[in-house]
């Protein structure tokens, strides 16, 4: 699993880093760590638009998003 830590970064950087990780690791599950609601929503939107399932987990200091590619 690839981990993308975007804590402390403001948009659009979390989306750009997540998109880059998706392109470099096709078909792999990504774990994205973020510390704010806006990044969580924007990364979730990106992932869903690219065919990923998104699980959001509340963790200390923010969120952990598990992005799992749909098998098609």
PDB file of N, CA and C in Angstrom:
ATOM      1  N   UNK A   1       0.845  -1.181   0.000  1.00  0.00           N
ATOM      2  CA  UNK A   1       0.000   0.000   0.000  1.00  0.00           C
ATOM      3  C   UNK A   1       0.889   1.243   0.000  1.00  0.00           C
ATOM      4  N   UNK A   2       0.517   2.199  -0.816  1.00  0.00           N
ATOM      5  CA  UNK A   2       1.263   3.438  -0.923  1.00  0.00           C
ATOM      6  C   UNK A   2       0.634   4.462   0.027  1.00  0.00           C
ATOM      7  N   UNK A   3       1.481   5.153   0.805  1.00  0.00           N
ATOM      8  CA  UNK A   3       0.978   6.166   1.722  1.00  0.00           C
ATOM      9  C   UNK A   3       1.348   7.554   1.211  1.00  0.00           C
ATOM     10  N   UNK A   4       0.362   8.448   1.199  1.00  0.00           N
ATOM     11  CA  UNK A   4       0.571   9.829   0.774  1.00  0.00           C
ATOM     12  C   UNK A   4       0.234  10.723   1.970  1.00  0.00           C
ATOM     13  N   UNK A   5       1.243  11.409   2.493  1.00  0.00           N
ATOM     14  CA  UNK A   5       1.043  12.267   3.662  1.00  0.00           C
ATOM     15  C   UNK A   5       0.950  13.710   3.200  1.00  0.00           C
ATOM     16  N   UNK A   6      -0.253  14.274   3.279  1.00  0.00           N
ATOM     17  CA  UNK A   6      -0.458  15.652   2.846  1.00  0.00           C
ATOM     18  C   UNK A   6      -0.871  16.545   4.019  1.00  0.00           C
ATOM     19  N   UNK A   7      -0.556  16.094   5.223  1.00  0.00           N
ATOM     20  CA  UNK A   7      -0.880  16.899   6.402  1.00  0.00           C
ATOM     21  C   UNK A   7      -0.070  18.197   6.362  1.00  0.00           C
ATOM     22  N   UNK A   8      -0.728  19.287   6.714  1.00  0.00           N
ATOM     23  CA  UNK A   8      -0.062  20.577   6.744  1.00  0.00           C
ATOM     24  C   UNK A   8      -0.016  21.281   5.400  1.00  0.00           C
ATOM     25  N   UNK A   9      -0.530  20.647   4.362  1.00  0.00           N
ATOM     26  CA  UNK A   9      -0.517  21.251   3.031  1.00  0.00           C
ATOM     27  C   UNK A   9      -1.914  21.757   2.686  1.00  0.00           C
ATOM     28  N   UNK A  10      -1.969  22.887   1.976  1.00  0.00           N
ATOM     29  CA  UNK A  10      -3.278  23.402   1.580  1.00  0.00           C
ATOM     30  C   UNK A  10      -3.537  23.124   0.106  1.00  0.00           C
ATOM     31  N   UNK A  11      -4.809  23.071  -0.240  1.00  0.00           N
ATOM     32  CA  UNK A  11      -5.204  22.759  -1.611  1.00  0.00           C
ATOM     33  C   UNK A  11      -4.679  23.825  -2.552  1.00  0.00           C
ATOM     34  N   UNK A  12      -4.287  23.408  -3.735  1.00  0.00           N
ATOM     35  CA  UNK A  12      -4.563  22.121  -4.382  1.00  0.00           C
ATOM     36  C   UNK A  12      -3.462  21.073  -4.199  1.00  0.00           C
ATOM     37  N   UNK A  13      -2.455  21.321  -3.385  1.00  0.00           N
ATOM     38  CA  UNK A  13      -1.316  20.415  -3.265  1.00  0.00           C
ATOM     39  C   UNK A  13      -1.722  18.986  -2.867  1.00  0.00           C
ATOM     40  N   UNK A  14      -2.618  18.776  -1.876  1.00  0.00           N
ATOM     41  CA  UNK A  14      -3.007  17.391  -1.551  1.00  0.00           C
ATOM     42  C   UNK A  14      -3.612  16.643  -2.740  1.00  0.00           C
ATOM     43  N   UNK A  15      -4.415  17.332  -3.547  1.00  0.00           N
ATOM     44  CA  UNK A  15      -5.018  16.696  -4.725  1.00  0.00           C
ATOM     45  C   UNK A  15      -3.941  16.368  -5.758  1.00  0.00           C
ATOM     46  N   UNK A  16      -3.016  17.299  -5.974  1.00  0.00           N
ATOM     47  CA  UNK A  16      -1.931  17.084  -6.947  1.00  0.00           C
ATOM     48  C   UNK A  16      -1.070  15.897  -6.526  1.00  0.00           C
ATOM     49  N   UNK A  17      -0.705  15.817  -5.244  1.00  0.00           N
ATOM     50  CA  UNK A  17       0.133  14.710  -4.758  1.00  0.00           C
ATOM     51  C   UNK A  17      -0.605  13.378  -4.844  1.00  0.00           C
ATOM     52  N   UNK A  18      -1.902  13.382  -4.530  1.00  0.00           N
ATOM     53  CA  UNK A  18      -2.690  12.154  -4.616  1.00  0.00           C
ATOM     54  C   UNK A  18      -2.807  11.697  -6.065  1.00  0.00           C
ATOM     55  N   UNK A  19      -3.075  12.632  -6.967  1.00  0.00           N
ATOM     56  CA  UNK A  19      -3.186  12.306  -8.397  1.00  0.00           C
ATOM     57  C   UNK A  19      -1.874  11.717  -8.912  1.00  0.00           C
ATOM     58  N   UNK A  20      -0.756  12.296  -8.513  1.00  0.00           N
ATOM     59  CA  UNK A  20       0.555  11.796  -8.933  1.00  0.00           C
ATOM     60  C   UNK A  20       0.780  10.373  -8.412  1.00  0.00           C
ATOM     61  N   UNK A  21       0.405  10.121  -7.161  1.00  0.00           N
ATOM     62  CA  UNK A  21       0.556   8.775  -6.585  1.00  0.00           C
ATOM     63  C   UNK A  21      -0.321   7.768  -7.331  1.00  0.00           C
ATOM     64  N   UNK A  22      -1.525   8.182  -7.727  1.00  0.00           N
ATOM     65  CA  UNK A  22      -2.412   7.300  -8.500  1.00  0.00           C
ATOM     66  C   UNK A  22      -1.774   6.936  -9.837  1.00  0.00           C
ATOM     67  N   UNK A  23      -1.188   7.930 -10.496  1.00  0.00           N
ATOM     68  CA  UNK A  23      -0.580   7.700 -11.804  1.00  0.00           C
ATOM     69  C   UNK A  23       0.673   6.837 -11.706  1.00  0.00           C
ATOM     70  N   UNK A  24       1.440   6.987 -10.626  1.00  0.00           N
ATOM     71  CA  UNK A  24       2.677   6.226 -10.456  1.00  0.00           C
ATOM     72  C   UNK A  24       2.434   4.815  -9.927  1.00  0.00           C
ATOM     73  N   UNK A  25       1.251   4.579  -9.357  1.00  0.00           N
ATOM     74  CA  UNK A  25       0.943   3.288  -8.746  1.00  0.00           C
ATOM     75  C   UNK A  25      -0.422   2.790  -9.199  1.00  0.00           C
ATOM     76  N   UNK A  26      -0.607   2.577 -10.506  1.00  0.00           N
ATOM     77  CA  UNK A  26      -1.933   2.178 -10.994  1.00  0.00           C
ATOM     78  C   UNK A  26      -2.376   0.844 -10.396  1.00  0.00           C
ATOM     79  N   UNK A  27      -3.642   0.790 -10.009  1.00  0.00           N
ATOM     80  CA  UNK A  27      -4.194  -0.453  -9.486  1.00  0.00           C
ATOM     81  C   UNK A  27      -3.871  -0.731  -8.037  1.00  0.00           C
ATOM     82  N   UNK A  28      -3.135   0.160  -7.381  1.00  0.00           N
ATOM     83  CA  UNK A  28      -2.778  -0.061  -5.984  1.00  0.00           C
ATOM     84  C   UNK A  28      -3.661   0.773  -5.063  1.00  0.00           C
ATOM     85  N   UNK A  29      -3.845   0.256  -3.855  1.00  0.00           N
ATOM     86  CA  UNK A  29      -4.574   0.991  -2.831  1.00  0.00           C
ATOM     87  C   UNK A  29      -3.663   2.076  -2.266  1.00  0.00           C
ATOM     88  N   UNK A  30      -4.243   3.251  -2.057  1.00  0.00           N
ATOM     89  CA  UNK A  30      -3.497   4.366  -1.480  1.00  0.00           C
ATOM     90  C   UNK A  30      -4.092   4.725  -0.124  1.00  0.00           C
ATOM     91  N   UNK A  31      -3.227   5.094   0.800  1.00  0.00           N
ATOM     92  CA  UNK A  31      -3.666   5.649   2.079  1.00  0.00           C
ATOM     93  C   UNK A  31      -3.227   7.102   2.083  1.00  0.00           C
ATOM     94  N   UNK A  32      -4.192   8.014   2.193  1.00  0.00           N
ATOM     95  CA  UNK A  32      -3.880   9.445   2.193  1.00  0.00           C
ATOM     96  C   UNK A  32      -4.151   9.998   3.583  1.00  0.00           C
ATOM     97  N   UNK A  33      -3.136  10.626   4.168  1.00  0.00           N
ATOM     98  CA  UNK A  33      -3.267  11.239   5.488  1.00  0.00           C
ATOM     99  C   UNK A  33      -3.430  12.741   5.313  1.00  0.00           C
ATOM    100  N   UNK A  34      -4.511  13.276   5.854  1.00  0.00           N
ATOM    101  CA  UNK A  34      -4.753  14.717   5.769  1.00  0.00           C
ATOM    102  C   UNK A  34      -5.242  15.231   7.115  1.00  0.00           C
ATOM    103  N   UNK A  35      -5.069  16.526   7.312  1.00  0.00           N
ATOM    104  CA  UNK A  35      -5.442  17.095   8.605  1.00  0.00           C
ATOM    105  C   UNK A  35      -6.536  18.152   8.500  1.00  0.00           C
ATOM    106  N   UNK A  36      -7.206  18.221   7.333  1.00  0.00           N
ATOM    107  CA  UNK A  36      -8.291  19.201   7.248  1.00  0.00           C
ATOM    108  C   UNK A  36      -9.431  18.704   6.366  1.00  0.00           C
ATOM    109  N   UNK A  37     -10.579  19.257   6.634  1.00  0.00           N
ATOM    110  CA  UNK A  37     -11.828  18.847   5.976  1.00  0.00           C
ATOM    111  C   UNK A  37     -11.806  19.128   4.472  1.00  0.00           C
ATOM    112  N   UNK A  38     -11.265  20.261   4.076  1.00  0.00           N
ATOM    113  CA  UNK A  38     -11.247  20.628   2.658  1.00  0.00           C
ATOM    114  C   UNK A  38     -10.437  19.630   1.852  1.00  0.00           C
ATOM    115  N   UNK A  39      -9.248  19.283   2.329  1.00  0.00           N
ATOM    116  CA  UNK A  39      -8.423  18.299   1.622  1.00  0.00           C
ATOM    117  C   UNK A  39      -9.125  16.955   1.560  1.00  0.00           C
ATOM    118  N   UNK A  40      -9.756  16.568   2.660  1.00  0.00           N
ATOM    119  CA  UNK A  40     -10.483  15.289   2.694  1.00  0.00           C
ATOM    120  C   UNK A  40     -11.546  15.263   1.604  1.00  0.00           C
ATOM    121  N   UNK A  41     -12.329  16.336   1.498  1.00  0.00           N
ATOM    122  CA  UNK A  41     -13.402  16.388   0.500  1.00  0.00           C
ATOM    123  C   UNK A  41     -12.849  16.407  -0.921  1.00  0.00           C
ATOM    124  N   UNK A  42     -11.806  17.189  -1.154  1.00  0.00           N
ATOM    125  CA  UNK A  42     -11.258  17.305  -2.509  1.00  0.00           C
ATOM    126  C   UNK A  42     -10.576  16.016  -2.966  1.00  0.00           C
ATOM    127  N   UNK A  43      -9.833  15.360  -2.074  1.00  0.00           N
ATOM    128  CA  UNK A  43      -9.184  14.094  -2.425  1.00  0.00           C
ATOM    129  C   UNK A  43     -10.242  13.015  -2.651  1.00  0.00           C
ATOM    130  N   UNK A  44     -11.287  13.016  -1.834  1.00  0.00           N
ATOM    131  CA  UNK A  44     -12.384  12.064  -2.008  1.00  0.00           C
ATOM    132  C   UNK A  44     -13.035  12.243  -3.376  1.00  0.00           C
ATOM    133  N   UNK A  45     -13.297  13.476  -3.760  1.00  0.00           N
ATOM    134  CA  UNK A  45     -13.917  13.768  -5.056  1.00  0.00           C
ATOM    135  C   UNK A  45     -13.021  13.285  -6.203  1.00  0.00           C
ATOM    136  N   UNK A  46     -11.727  13.570  -6.122  1.00  0.00           N
ATOM    137  CA  UNK A  46     -10.782  13.114  -7.144  1.00  0.00           C
ATOM    138  C   UNK A  46     -10.826  11.593  -7.267  1.00  0.00           C
ATOM    139  N   UNK A  47     -10.735  10.916  -6.130  1.00  0.00           N
ATOM    140  CA  UNK A  47     -10.687   9.452  -6.135  1.00  0.00           C
ATOM    141  C   UNK A  47     -11.959   8.860  -6.736  1.00  0.00           C
ATOM    142  N   UNK A  48     -13.110   9.361  -6.323  1.00  0.00           N
ATOM    143  CA  UNK A  48     -14.369   8.833  -6.843  1.00  0.00           C
ATOM    144  C   UNK A  48     -14.489   9.079  -8.341  1.00  0.00           C
ATOM    145  N   UNK A  49     -14.032  10.235  -8.810  1.00  0.00           N
ATOM    146  CA  UNK A  49     -14.076  10.539 -10.246  1.00  0.00           C
ATOM    147  C   UNK A  49     -13.146   9.634 -11.042  1.00  0.00           C
ATOM    148  N   UNK A  50     -12.127   9.100 -10.402  1.00  0.00           N
ATOM    149  CA  UNK A  50     -11.175   8.208 -11.073  1.00  0.00           C
ATOM    150  C   UNK A  50     -11.492   6.730 -10.830  1.00  0.00           C
ATOM    151  N   UNK A  51     -12.645   6.446 -10.235  1.00  0.00           N
ATOM    152  CA  UNK A  51     -13.082   5.066 -10.076  1.00  0.00           C
ATOM    153  C   UNK A  51     -12.531   4.359  -8.845  1.00  0.00           C
ATOM    154  N   UNK A  52     -12.205   5.110  -7.806  1.00  0.00           N
ATOM    155  CA  UNK A  52     -11.736   4.504  -6.556  1.00  0.00           C
ATOM    156  C   UNK A  52     -12.870   4.489  -5.548  1.00  0.00           C
ATOM    157  N   UNK A  53     -12.859   3.458  -4.694  1.00  0.00           N
ATOM    158  CA  UNK A  53     -13.744   3.453  -3.539  1.00  0.00           C
ATOM    159  C   UNK A  53     -12.995   4.163  -2.413  1.00  0.00           C
ATOM    160  N   UNK A  54     -13.714   4.941  -1.622  1.00  0.00           N
ATOM    161  CA  UNK A  54     -13.079   5.739  -0.582  1.00  0.00           C
ATOM    162  C   UNK A  54     -13.647   5.358   0.781  1.00  0.00           C
ATOM    163  N   UNK A  55     -12.742   5.037   1.700  1.00  0.00           N
ATOM    164  CA  UNK A  55     -13.121   4.817   3.099  1.00  0.00           C
ATOM    165  C   UNK A  55     -12.420   5.889   3.912  1.00  0.00           C
ATOM    166  N   UNK A  56     -13.187   6.622   4.713  1.00  0.00           N
ATOM    167  CA  UNK A  56     -12.629   7.688   5.531  1.00  0.00           C
ATOM    168  C   UNK A  56     -12.585   7.224   6.974  1.00  0.00           C
ATOM    169  N   UNK A  57     -11.425   7.344   7.572  1.00  0.00           N
ATOM    170  CA  UNK A  57     -11.235   6.955   8.961  1.00  0.00           C
ATOM    171  C   UNK A  57     -10.725   8.166   9.729  1.00  0.00           C
ATOM    172  N   UNK A  58     -11.409   8.499  10.824  1.00  0.00           N
ATOM    173  CA  UNK A  58     -10.972   9.611  11.671  1.00  0.00           C
ATOM    174  C   UNK A  58      -9.807   9.118  12.512  1.00  0.00           C
ATOM    175  N   UNK A  59      -8.699   9.831  12.460  1.00  0.00           N
ATOM    176  CA  UNK A  59      -7.524   9.491  13.258  1.00  0.00           C
ATOM    177  C   UNK A  59      -7.084  10.724  14.033  1.00  0.00           C
ATOM    178  N   UNK A  60      -6.184  10.536  14.980  1.00  0.00           N
ATOM    179  CA  UNK A  60      -5.694  11.660  15.771  1.00  0.00           C
ATOM    180  C   UNK A  60      -5.115  12.725  14.846  1.00  0.00           C
ATOM    181  N   UNK A  61      -5.636  13.918  14.934  1.00  0.00           N
ATOM    182  CA  UNK A  61      -5.112  15.015  14.146  1.00  0.00           C
ATOM    183  C   UNK A  61      -5.635  15.107  12.725  1.00  0.00           C
ATOM    184  N   UNK A  62      -6.615  14.290  12.359  1.00  0.00           N
ATOM    185  CA  UNK A  62      -7.132  14.407  10.998  1.00  0.00           C
ATOM    186  C   UNK A  62      -7.840  13.176  10.493  1.00  0.00           C
ATOM    187  N   UNK A  63      -7.528  12.814   9.243  1.00  0.00           N
ATOM    188  CA  UNK A  63      -8.223  11.724   8.567  1.00  0.00           C
ATOM    189  C   UNK A  63      -7.234  10.824   7.841  1.00  0.00           C
ATOM    190  N   UNK A  64      -7.622   9.564   7.698  1.00  0.00           N
ATOM    191  CA  UNK A  64      -6.896   8.608   6.871  1.00  0.00           C
ATOM    192  C   UNK A  64      -7.895   8.129   5.836  1.00  0.00           C
ATOM    193  N   UNK A  65      -7.598   8.389   4.575  1.00  0.00           N
ATOM    194  CA  UNK A  65      -8.473   7.980   3.481  1.00  0.00           C
ATOM    195  C   UNK A  65      -7.865   6.772   2.794  1.00  0.00           C
ATOM    196  N   UNK A  66      -8.636   5.699   2.722  1.00  0.00           N
ATOM    197  CA  UNK A  66      -8.196   4.519   1.992  1.00  0.00           C
ATOM    198  C   UNK A  66      -8.851   4.557   0.621  1.00  0.00           C
ATOM    199  N   UNK A  67      -8.012   4.668  -0.402  1.00  0.00           N
ATOM    200  CA  UNK A  67      -8.506   4.741  -1.773  1.00  0.00           C
ATOM    201  C   UNK A  67      -8.209   3.415  -2.460  1.00  0.00           C
ATOM    202  N   UNK A  68      -9.268   2.672  -2.758  1.00  0.00           N
ATOM    203  CA  UNK A  68      -9.131   1.348  -3.366  1.00  0.00           C
ATOM    204  C   UNK A  68      -9.662   1.393  -4.785  1.00  0.00           C
ATOM    205  N   UNK A  69      -8.827   1.049  -5.766  1.00  0.00           N
ATOM    206  CA  UNK A  69      -9.315   1.089  -7.155  1.00  0.00           C
ATOM    207  C   UNK A  69     -10.370   0.023  -7.388  1.00  0.00           C
ATOM    208  N   UNK A  70     -11.399   0.394  -8.136  1.00  0.00           N
ATOM    209  CA  UNK A  70     -12.431  -0.571  -8.522  1.00  0.00           C
ATOM    210  C   UNK A  70     -11.850  -1.503  -9.563  1.00  0.00           C
ATOM    211  N   UNK A  71     -12.123  -2.775  -9.422  1.00  0.00           N
ATOM    212  CA  UNK A  71     -11.678  -3.765 -10.403  1.00  0.00           C
ATOM    213  C   UNK A  71     -12.710  -3.821 -11.519  1.00  0.00           C
ATOM    214  N   UNK A  72     -12.280  -3.463 -12.715  1.00  0.00           N
ATOM    215  CA  UNK A  72     -13.250  -3.499 -13.819  1.00  0.00           C
ATOM    216  C   UNK A  72     -12.704  -4.216 -15.017  1.00  0.00           C
TER     217      UNK A  72
END
